[in-house]
Amino acid sequence: MSESPIGEAVMTQPVAFDAPPAQASVPLASVPLASVQSTVFPIIAAISFCHLLNDMMQSMLAAIYPMLKASFGLSFGQIGLLTFAYQLTASLLQPMVGLYTDKRPMPYSLPCAMAFTLVGLIGLAFAHTYWLLLIAASMVGIGSSVFHPESSRVARMASGGRHGLAQSLFQVGGNFGSAIGPLLAAFIVVPRGQSSVAIFSGAALVAMMVLWRVGGWYSRHHSARSKRAASATHVALPRRKVLMALGVLALLMFSKFIYMSSLSSYYTFYLIHKFELTIQQSQMLLFVFLGAVAAGTIIGGPLGDRFGRKYVIWGSILGVLPFTLALPYANLWGTAALSVVIGLVLASAFSAIIVFAQELVPGRVGLIAGIFFGFAFGIGGSGAAVLGLVADAKGIDFVYRLCSFLPLLGLLTVFLPNIEKKKTA
C-alpha cells in the first residue's frame, strides 16, 4: 500500500540550510536517533494540524449554544452545565492519562482520541433530549482528555530543545481550530440545523489517519528523546518551592481561563443582548477574538524561549488588566477592538506556563501536560457553569464587570522562581 503525501510530509526529517541537496528528503526512520537533534517541524506541523481539527470540532459545542438554547428551551444555567459536562470529563481524565503514559507510552492512543470525538459529534448532531446532549458533550470531552497529554509530549519530543516554540506551534493549531469552529457553525450549522454537525465528523477521520502516522514516529523515537529532554531541562529546586510554584501557576491559570470562559461561552450572548446583533454577526466577532487568541499563542512561546517565561507570564496576565476593566463600558467597535487586545495578550501566557511547569518537574511531561490542560478545561467548565448561574441571576453585563478584575491575580507571578538561571546542562 503506497504512502500518502501527508504521511511522507510527517515522516520527513527537515534539513539544515547548509545540508547538501542529496539529503533533502531523508526519511526520519532511517536516521540514527543520536543524530536527530534539530527541531522536527513536520511532526510539529502534523500534531498542530490535528490539534486544529480537534479543537475545531470541539468548539462546535459552544458555537451552537444559541441554536440549542432556542431549540431545547435551555436556560443559561443549562448551557453552563453542557460546558461543564464536556470540560469536566476532559479535566478529570487528562492527568490520569498523562501519568499513565509517562510510564507506559501509548503512541496509538492519539487516533483513538479522535474516535471518541467523532462519536460525540454524531451524538450532538442527532440528540433529541437534553440528557443525550450531555452524554455527547462528555464523549467529546473524553476525546480531548486522551488527545492533549500525548500530543503535547509529541510536540516536546520534536522540539529539538526549543520547547516554547514547539508548544506554541502545537497550541496555535488548537487556537485556530477554536476560531474556525464558530465561523463554520455560523455559515453551515445555523442555516442547516443541528443535524449538520455530523458533517464535521469527516475532520475526525482525517485526523485519525494523520495521527496514525505520527504515532508511528512517536513509537520509534520516544525513549531517547524523553531522557534527553528531561536531563536538558533539570531544575534543582527544593520540593517545597516546586509545589509553591505549581500552586502559583495554577492560580494564574484560574484567572486566565475563568476570564477566557466568560468570553468563549457567553460573548455571543453579551453582544446580542447589549448591541442587538444577529447570531451570525456575534459569531463573526467571536471568530475575531479567537483569531487574536491564536496570534497571541504564537507569540508567547518564542518570547519565553528568548527572554524568559516568567516575564511573558507577567506581561500576559497582569498586562491585560487595563483592557479587561474597560471592556464592559465600551461601545460595539470598542468592544471588538478590546477583545482583540485581550485575546492577543492573555493567550501569550499559556505555552509559557506549560513549559515552565514541565521544567519544574522534569521527566513528567505527560503528567504536567495532563494536569495543566485538564486544569484549564476544568476551570473553564466550572467557570462556565458558575457564570451561567450568575448571568441568570444578575444579568450578562454583571458577569463582564465581575470578571474584569481577575487579571489582578497576575501579581502572584512575583513568587515564581527564576528557573532560567537554575538550569543545569
Protein backbone atom coordinates (compact mmCIF):
# COMPACT_ATOMS: atom_id res chain seq x y z
CA MET A 1 0.00 0.00 0.00
CA SER A 2 1.58 3.32 -1.05
CA GLU A 3 2.12 6.05 1.46
CA SER A 4 0.05 9.21 1.23
CA PRO A 5 1.58 12.69 0.71
CA ILE A 6 0.53 13.59 4.24
CA GLY A 7 2.39 10.63 5.63
CA GLU A 8 5.51 11.50 3.65
CA ALA A 9 5.41 15.08 4.93
CA VAL A 10 5.04 13.94 8.50
CA MET A 11 7.84 11.40 8.36
CA THR A 12 10.47 13.54 6.63
CA GLN A 13 13.32 14.99 8.65
CA PRO A 14 13.90 18.72 7.96
CA VAL A 15 17.40 19.58 6.77
CA ALA A 16 19.65 22.42 7.88
CA PHE A 17 20.21 25.22 5.33
CA ASP A 18 23.81 24.16 4.72
CA ALA A 19 22.99 20.48 4.13
CA PRO A 20 23.77 19.02 0.70
CA PRO A 21 20.79 18.69 -1.67
CA ALA A 22 21.03 14.90 -1.73
CA GLN A 23 19.96 14.80 1.93
CA ALA A 24 16.82 16.92 1.47
CA SER A 25 14.33 14.06 1.83
CA VAL A 26 15.91 11.56 4.16
CA PRO A 27 13.18 9.59 5.95
CA LEU A 28 13.29 10.18 9.68
CA ALA A 29 13.07 6.46 10.38
CA SER A 30 16.40 5.88 8.56
CA VAL A 31 18.33 8.48 10.61
CA PRO A 32 20.14 7.19 13.72
CA LEU A 33 18.36 8.57 16.76
CA ALA A 34 21.52 10.04 18.25
CA SER A 35 21.87 12.29 15.17
CA VAL A 36 18.35 13.65 15.31
CA GLN A 37 18.99 16.87 17.26
CA SER A 38 17.12 19.55 15.33
CA THR A 39 13.51 20.59 15.63
CA VAL A 40 11.34 18.14 13.67
CA PHE A 41 8.95 20.64 12.12
CA PRO A 42 6.95 18.13 10.04
CA ILE A 43 5.93 16.29 13.21
CA ILE A 44 5.08 19.56 15.00
CA ALA A 45 3.11 20.69 11.94
CA ALA A 46 1.20 17.40 11.83
CA ILE A 47 0.31 17.45 15.52
CA SER A 48 -0.64 21.13 15.31
CA PHE A 49 -2.86 20.40 12.30
CA CYS A 50 -4.61 17.65 14.23
CA HIS A 51 -4.94 20.00 17.19
CA LEU A 52 -6.65 22.42 14.81
CA LEU A 53 -9.12 19.75 13.69
CA ASN A 54 -9.65 18.55 17.26
CA ASP A 55 -10.45 21.97 18.69
CA MET A 56 -12.45 22.98 15.63
CA MET A 57 -14.75 20.03 16.25
CA GLN A 58 -14.90 20.66 19.97
CA SER A 59 -15.71 24.34 19.50
CA MET A 60 -18.87 23.31 17.67
CA LEU A 61 -20.50 22.78 21.06
CA ALA A 62 -20.08 26.38 22.24
CA ALA A 63 -20.78 27.75 18.77
CA ILE A 64 -24.22 26.15 18.55
CA TYR A 65 -25.28 27.19 22.07
CA PRO A 66 -27.67 29.90 20.82
CA MET A 67 -29.33 27.41 18.45
CA LEU A 68 -29.58 24.72 21.15
CA LYS A 69 -30.92 27.26 23.64
CA ALA A 70 -33.74 28.15 21.26
CA SER A 71 -34.44 24.56 20.11
CA PHE A 72 -34.44 22.92 23.55
CA GLY A 73 -35.61 25.95 25.59
CA LEU A 74 -32.45 25.93 27.74
CA SER A 75 -31.55 28.40 30.48
CA PHE A 76 -28.10 29.94 30.88
CA GLY A 77 -27.57 27.50 33.76
CA GLN A 78 -28.27 24.52 31.48
CA ILE A 79 -25.90 25.97 28.86
CA GLY A 80 -23.24 26.20 31.55
CA LEU A 81 -23.91 22.60 32.58
CA LEU A 82 -23.33 21.45 28.99
CA THR A 83 -19.93 23.13 29.05
CA PHE A 84 -19.31 21.64 32.50
CA ALA A 85 -20.08 18.09 31.25
CA TYR A 86 -17.69 18.49 28.33
CA GLN A 87 -14.85 20.10 30.22
CA LEU A 88 -15.17 18.05 33.40
CA THR A 89 -14.59 14.75 31.56
CA ALA A 90 -11.57 16.29 29.92
CA SER A 91 -10.15 17.77 33.10
CA LEU A 92 -10.58 14.67 35.27
CA LEU A 93 -9.12 12.21 32.78
CA GLN A 94 -6.21 14.23 31.38
CA PRO A 95 -3.89 13.96 34.42
CA MET A 96 -4.58 10.22 34.70
CA VAL A 97 -3.81 9.75 31.01
CA GLY A 98 -0.61 11.80 31.36
CA LEU A 99 0.55 9.93 34.47
CA TYR A 100 -0.10 6.54 32.87
CA THR A 101 1.62 7.38 29.58
CA ASP A 102 4.70 8.81 31.35
CA LYS A 103 5.32 5.22 32.48
CA ARG A 104 3.76 3.36 29.54
CA PRO A 105 3.70 5.49 26.39
CA MET A 106 0.72 4.85 24.09
CA PRO A 107 1.60 6.27 20.68
CA TYR A 108 -1.58 5.00 19.03
CA SER A 109 -3.87 6.47 21.67
CA LEU A 110 -3.95 9.64 19.56
CA PRO A 111 -6.18 8.28 16.76
CA CYS A 112 -8.33 6.62 19.43
CA ALA A 113 -8.91 10.06 20.96
CA MET A 114 -10.32 11.26 17.67
CA ALA A 115 -12.68 8.29 17.58
CA PHE A 116 -14.27 9.49 20.84
CA THR A 117 -14.67 12.98 19.37
CA LEU A 118 -16.27 11.53 16.25
CA VAL A 119 -18.86 9.67 18.33
CA GLY A 120 -19.54 12.82 20.35
CA LEU A 121 -20.13 14.90 17.23
CA ILE A 122 -22.61 12.41 15.85
CA GLY A 123 -24.36 12.44 19.22
CA LEU A 124 -24.61 16.25 19.16
CA ALA A 125 -26.00 16.13 15.64
CA PHE A 126 -28.85 13.74 16.39
CA ALA A 127 -29.58 14.20 20.13
CA HIS A 128 -33.27 14.87 20.76
CA THR A 129 -33.16 15.29 24.56
CA TYR A 130 -31.06 17.39 26.91
CA TRP A 131 -29.60 14.26 28.56
CA LEU A 132 -28.33 12.99 25.20
CA LEU A 133 -26.70 16.37 24.64
CA LEU A 134 -24.90 15.97 27.97
CA ILE A 135 -23.68 12.47 27.02
CA ALA A 136 -22.47 13.65 23.61
CA ALA A 137 -20.65 16.60 25.19
CA SER A 138 -18.97 14.18 27.62
CA MET A 139 -17.76 11.98 24.75
CA VAL A 140 -16.16 15.00 23.10
CA GLY A 141 -14.51 15.75 26.45
CA ILE A 142 -13.09 12.22 26.69
CA GLY A 143 -11.57 12.62 23.23
CA SER A 144 -9.88 15.80 24.39
CA SER A 145 -8.59 14.15 27.58
CA VAL A 146 -6.76 11.46 25.62
CA PHE A 147 -5.50 13.76 22.86
CA HIS A 148 -3.87 16.62 24.76
CA PRO A 149 -1.31 14.96 27.10
CA GLU A 150 0.18 12.69 24.43
CA SER A 151 0.13 15.30 21.66
CA SER A 152 1.85 17.79 23.97
CA ARG A 153 4.50 15.13 24.64
CA VAL A 154 5.00 14.63 20.90
CA ALA A 155 5.46 18.38 20.40
CA ARG A 156 8.12 18.48 23.14
CA MET A 157 9.88 15.40 21.74
CA ALA A 158 10.06 17.05 18.31
CA SER A 159 11.15 20.45 19.68
CA GLY A 160 14.91 19.97 19.47
CA GLY A 161 15.20 21.93 22.73
CA ARG A 162 13.04 24.85 21.54
CA HIS A 163 10.27 23.90 23.93
CA GLY A 164 8.43 27.22 23.96
CA LEU A 165 8.32 27.43 20.17
CA ALA A 166 7.14 23.84 19.80
CA GLN A 167 4.47 24.27 22.47
CA SER A 168 3.25 27.50 20.87
CA LEU A 169 3.04 25.92 17.41
CA PHE A 170 1.16 22.97 18.88
CA GLN A 171 -1.24 25.16 20.81
CA VAL A 172 -1.85 27.62 17.99
CA GLY A 173 -3.33 24.79 15.95
CA GLY A 174 -5.94 24.41 18.67
CA ASN A 175 -6.50 28.17 18.80
CA PHE A 176 -7.09 28.37 15.05
CA GLY A 177 -9.42 25.42 15.30
CA SER A 178 -11.35 27.12 18.08
CA ALA A 179 -11.56 30.27 15.95
CA ILE A 180 -12.67 28.45 12.79
CA GLY A 181 -15.30 26.36 14.57
CA PRO A 182 -17.73 29.20 15.35
CA LEU A 183 -17.29 30.61 11.85
CA LEU A 184 -18.15 27.26 10.26
CA ALA A 185 -21.04 26.88 12.66
CA ALA A 186 -22.38 30.31 11.64
CA PHE A 187 -22.38 29.50 7.93
CA ILE A 188 -23.04 25.74 7.93
CA VAL A 189 -24.71 24.58 11.14
CA VAL A 190 -27.00 27.54 11.88
CA PRO A 191 -28.60 27.63 8.38
CA ARG A 192 -28.81 23.82 8.05
CA GLY A 193 -29.79 22.87 11.58
CA GLN A 194 -28.48 20.66 14.36
CA SER A 195 -28.00 17.52 12.25
CA SER A 196 -25.41 19.29 10.08
CA VAL A 197 -22.90 18.99 12.96
CA ALA A 198 -22.35 15.44 11.65
CA ILE A 199 -20.67 16.91 8.55
CA PHE A 200 -17.61 17.66 10.65
CA SER A 201 -17.10 14.04 11.61
CA GLY A 202 -15.10 13.84 8.36
CA ALA A 203 -12.47 16.02 10.03
CA ALA A 204 -12.13 13.40 12.77
CA LEU A 205 -11.42 10.72 10.16
CA VAL A 206 -8.70 12.87 8.54
CA ALA A 207 -7.11 13.48 11.93
CA MET A 208 -7.16 9.77 12.74
CA MET A 209 -5.19 9.00 9.57
CA VAL A 210 -2.56 11.68 10.23
CA LEU A 211 -2.22 10.72 13.89
CA TRP A 212 -1.69 7.08 12.98
CA ARG A 213 1.47 8.14 11.10
CA VAL A 214 2.55 10.45 13.94
CA GLY A 215 2.06 7.53 16.32
CA GLY A 216 4.50 5.50 14.24
CA TRP A 217 7.18 8.18 14.59
CA TYR A 218 6.44 8.51 18.30
CA SER A 219 6.73 4.78 18.94
CA ARG A 220 10.23 4.68 17.39
CA HIS A 221 11.69 7.76 19.00
CA HIS A 222 10.11 8.44 22.39
CA SER A 223 12.66 6.79 24.74
CA ALA A 224 15.90 8.59 23.91
CA ARG A 225 14.17 11.91 23.24
CA SER A 226 12.33 11.85 26.57
CA LYS A 227 15.50 11.06 28.53
CA ARG A 228 17.46 13.75 26.70
CA ALA A 229 14.71 16.34 27.27
CA ALA A 230 14.46 15.55 30.97
CA SER A 231 18.19 15.85 31.56
CA ALA A 232 18.44 19.02 29.47
CA THR A 233 15.85 20.93 31.49
CA HIS A 234 16.51 19.68 35.02
CA VAL A 235 15.81 22.33 37.64
CA ALA A 236 17.46 21.93 41.06
CA LEU A 237 14.78 23.33 43.36
CA PRO A 238 13.54 22.05 46.73
CA ARG A 239 10.27 20.17 46.64
CA ARG A 240 8.52 22.86 48.69
CA LYS A 241 9.47 25.59 46.20
CA VAL A 242 8.37 23.43 43.29
CA LEU A 243 4.97 22.84 44.88
CA MET A 244 4.59 26.53 45.68
CA ALA A 245 5.47 27.48 42.10
CA LEU A 246 2.98 24.96 40.72
CA GLY A 247 0.33 26.43 43.02
CA VAL A 248 1.05 29.94 41.74
CA LEU A 249 0.85 28.73 38.16
CA ALA A 250 -2.50 27.11 38.96
CA LEU A 251 -3.87 30.40 40.33
CA LEU A 252 -2.63 32.24 37.24
CA MET A 253 -4.37 29.62 35.11
CA PHE A 254 -7.50 30.23 37.17
CA SER A 255 -7.53 33.94 36.38
CA LYS A 256 -6.77 33.39 32.72
CA PHE A 257 -9.27 30.65 31.99
CA ILE A 258 -12.18 31.98 34.01
CA TYR A 259 -11.91 35.18 32.02
CA MET A 260 -11.45 33.29 28.75
CA SER A 261 -14.51 31.19 29.63
CA SER A 262 -16.59 34.34 30.07
CA LEU A 263 -15.73 35.29 26.50
CA SER A 264 -15.76 31.92 24.74
CA SER A 265 -19.04 30.76 26.31
CA TYR A 266 -21.05 33.98 26.68
CA TYR A 267 -19.52 36.56 24.34
CA THR A 268 -22.15 35.93 21.65
CA PHE A 269 -24.96 36.34 24.19
CA TYR A 270 -23.35 39.54 25.51
CA LEU A 271 -23.11 41.02 22.01
CA ILE A 272 -26.67 40.03 21.13
CA HIS A 273 -28.00 41.44 24.41
CA LYS A 274 -26.04 44.70 24.52
CA PHE A 275 -25.76 45.62 20.84
CA GLU A 276 -28.72 43.68 19.34
CA LEU A 277 -26.55 41.77 16.88
CA THR A 278 -27.73 38.69 14.99
CA ILE A 279 -26.33 35.24 15.83
CA GLN A 280 -24.12 35.27 12.74
CA GLN A 281 -22.79 38.77 13.47
CA SER A 282 -21.95 37.83 17.05
CA GLN A 283 -20.20 34.66 15.91
CA MET A 284 -18.12 36.66 13.46
CA LEU A 285 -16.89 38.83 16.35
CA LEU A 286 -16.24 35.67 18.39
CA PHE A 287 -14.12 34.46 15.45
CA VAL A 288 -12.15 37.72 15.53
CA PHE A 289 -11.49 37.32 19.26
CA LEU A 290 -10.41 33.69 18.89
CA GLY A 291 -8.16 34.65 15.98
CA ALA A 292 -6.42 37.12 18.28
CA VAL A 293 -6.03 34.31 20.83
CA ALA A 294 -4.30 32.23 18.15
CA ALA A 295 -1.90 35.06 17.31
CA GLY A 296 -1.07 35.58 20.98
CA THR A 297 -0.30 31.90 21.38
CA ILE A 298 2.25 32.01 18.55
CA ILE A 299 3.98 35.00 20.11
CA GLY A 300 4.20 33.71 23.68
CA GLY A 301 6.36 30.61 23.16
CA PRO A 302 9.28 32.15 21.22
CA LEU A 303 9.28 35.18 23.55
CA GLY A 304 9.55 32.81 26.51
CA ASP A 305 12.43 30.93 24.88
CA ARG A 306 14.28 34.19 24.26
CA PHE A 307 13.54 36.42 27.25
CA GLY A 308 12.36 34.03 29.95
CA ARG A 309 8.93 32.57 30.60
CA LYS A 310 8.41 34.44 33.86
CA TYR A 311 8.49 37.79 32.04
CA VAL A 312 5.97 36.56 29.48
CA ILE A 313 3.64 35.42 32.27
CA TRP A 314 3.99 38.81 34.00
CA GLY A 315 3.15 40.76 30.86
CA SER A 316 0.32 38.49 29.81
CA ILE A 317 -1.75 38.11 32.97
CA LEU A 318 -1.23 41.47 34.67
CA GLY A 319 -0.71 43.44 31.46
CA VAL A 320 -4.22 42.71 30.20
CA LEU A 321 -5.90 44.30 33.27
CA PRO A 322 -6.50 47.82 31.82
CA PHE A 323 -8.26 46.34 28.81
CA THR A 324 -10.50 43.96 30.77
CA LEU A 325 -11.53 46.82 33.06
CA ALA A 326 -12.51 48.96 30.05
CA LEU A 327 -14.42 46.27 28.13
CA PRO A 328 -17.80 46.41 29.99
CA TYR A 329 -18.11 50.15 29.26
CA ALA A 330 -17.09 50.21 25.59
CA ASN A 331 -19.33 50.65 22.53
CA LEU A 332 -19.58 47.98 19.82
CA TRP A 333 -16.40 48.91 17.96
CA GLY A 334 -14.53 49.49 21.19
CA THR A 335 -15.68 46.07 22.44
CA ALA A 336 -14.42 44.42 19.26
CA ALA A 337 -11.04 46.21 19.48
CA LEU A 338 -10.59 45.50 23.18
CA SER A 339 -11.46 41.82 22.70
CA VAL A 340 -8.66 41.57 20.12
CA VAL A 341 -6.10 43.10 22.51
CA ILE A 342 -7.31 40.92 25.40
CA GLY A 343 -7.14 37.74 23.32
CA LEU A 344 -3.68 38.61 21.97
CA VAL A 345 -2.13 39.47 25.34
CA LEU A 346 -3.83 36.92 27.56
CA ALA A 347 -3.18 33.96 25.25
CA SER A 348 0.57 34.52 25.21
CA ALA A 349 0.89 33.09 28.73
CA PHE A 350 -0.33 29.53 28.22
CA SER A 351 2.63 27.97 26.41
CA ALA A 352 4.98 29.77 28.85
CA ILE A 353 3.05 28.35 31.82
CA ILE A 354 3.07 24.79 30.42
CA VAL A 355 6.80 24.76 29.63
CA PHE A 356 7.63 26.49 32.94
CA ALA A 357 5.76 23.74 34.80
CA GLN A 358 7.37 20.95 32.73
CA GLU A 359 10.80 22.33 33.59
CA LEU A 360 9.89 22.43 37.27
CA VAL A 361 9.07 18.69 37.20
CA PRO A 362 11.46 17.07 34.68
CA GLY A 363 10.58 13.66 33.31
CA ARG A 364 6.84 14.12 33.88
CA VAL A 365 5.88 15.75 30.60
CA GLY A 366 2.62 13.84 30.22
CA LEU A 367 1.54 14.31 33.82
CA ILE A 368 2.21 18.06 33.78
CA ALA A 369 0.52 18.48 30.39
CA GLY A 370 -2.43 16.44 31.62
CA ILE A 371 -2.73 18.40 34.86
CA PHE A 372 -2.49 21.82 33.26
CA PHE A 373 -4.57 21.10 30.17
CA GLY A 374 -7.03 19.29 32.40
CA PHE A 375 -7.00 22.13 34.92
CA ALA A 376 -7.66 24.56 32.08
CA PHE A 377 -10.67 22.54 30.94
CA GLY A 378 -11.90 22.09 34.50
CA ILE A 379 -11.62 25.79 35.29
CA GLY A 380 -13.34 26.66 32.05
CA GLY A 381 -16.14 24.18 32.69
CA SER A 382 -16.69 25.17 36.30
CA GLY A 383 -16.41 28.83 35.41
CA ALA A 384 -18.93 28.49 32.60
CA ALA A 385 -21.42 26.79 34.92
CA VAL A 386 -21.00 29.37 37.71
CA LEU A 387 -21.00 32.32 35.32
CA GLY A 388 -24.15 30.96 33.69
CA LEU A 389 -25.91 30.96 37.06
CA VAL A 390 -24.62 34.48 37.76
CA ALA A 391 -25.90 35.62 34.37
CA ASP A 392 -29.32 34.13 35.10
CA ALA A 393 -29.45 35.94 38.46
CA LYS A 394 -27.67 39.24 37.78
CA GLY A 395 -27.53 39.63 34.02
CA ILE A 396 -24.83 39.10 31.43
CA ASP A 397 -23.45 42.66 31.86
CA PHE A 398 -22.68 41.96 35.53
CA VAL A 399 -20.62 38.89 34.54
CA TYR A 400 -18.23 41.01 32.48
CA ARG A 401 -17.89 43.68 35.15
CA LEU A 402 -17.10 40.98 37.73
CA CYS A 403 -14.57 39.12 35.56
CA SER A 404 -12.73 42.29 34.59
CA PHE A 405 -10.79 42.19 37.91
CA LEU A 406 -9.46 38.64 37.50
CA PRO A 407 -6.11 39.64 35.92
CA LEU A 408 -5.15 41.23 39.25
CA LEU A 409 -4.05 37.72 40.23
CA GLY A 410 -1.13 38.27 37.87
CA LEU A 411 0.62 39.96 40.81
CA LEU A 412 1.29 36.44 42.13
CA THR A 413 3.91 35.98 39.40
CA VAL A 414 6.40 37.61 41.77
CA PHE A 415 6.50 34.33 43.73
CA LEU A 416 7.70 32.26 40.76
CA PRO A 417 11.38 31.20 40.85
CA ASN A 418 13.81 32.35 38.17
CA ILE A 419 14.40 28.85 36.81
CA GLU A 420 16.20 30.05 33.69
CA LYS A 421 19.13 30.86 35.97
CA LYS A 422 19.00 27.47 37.72
CA LYS A 423 19.06 25.05 34.78
CA THR A 424 21.91 22.57 34.63
CA ALA A 425 23.39 21.32 31.39
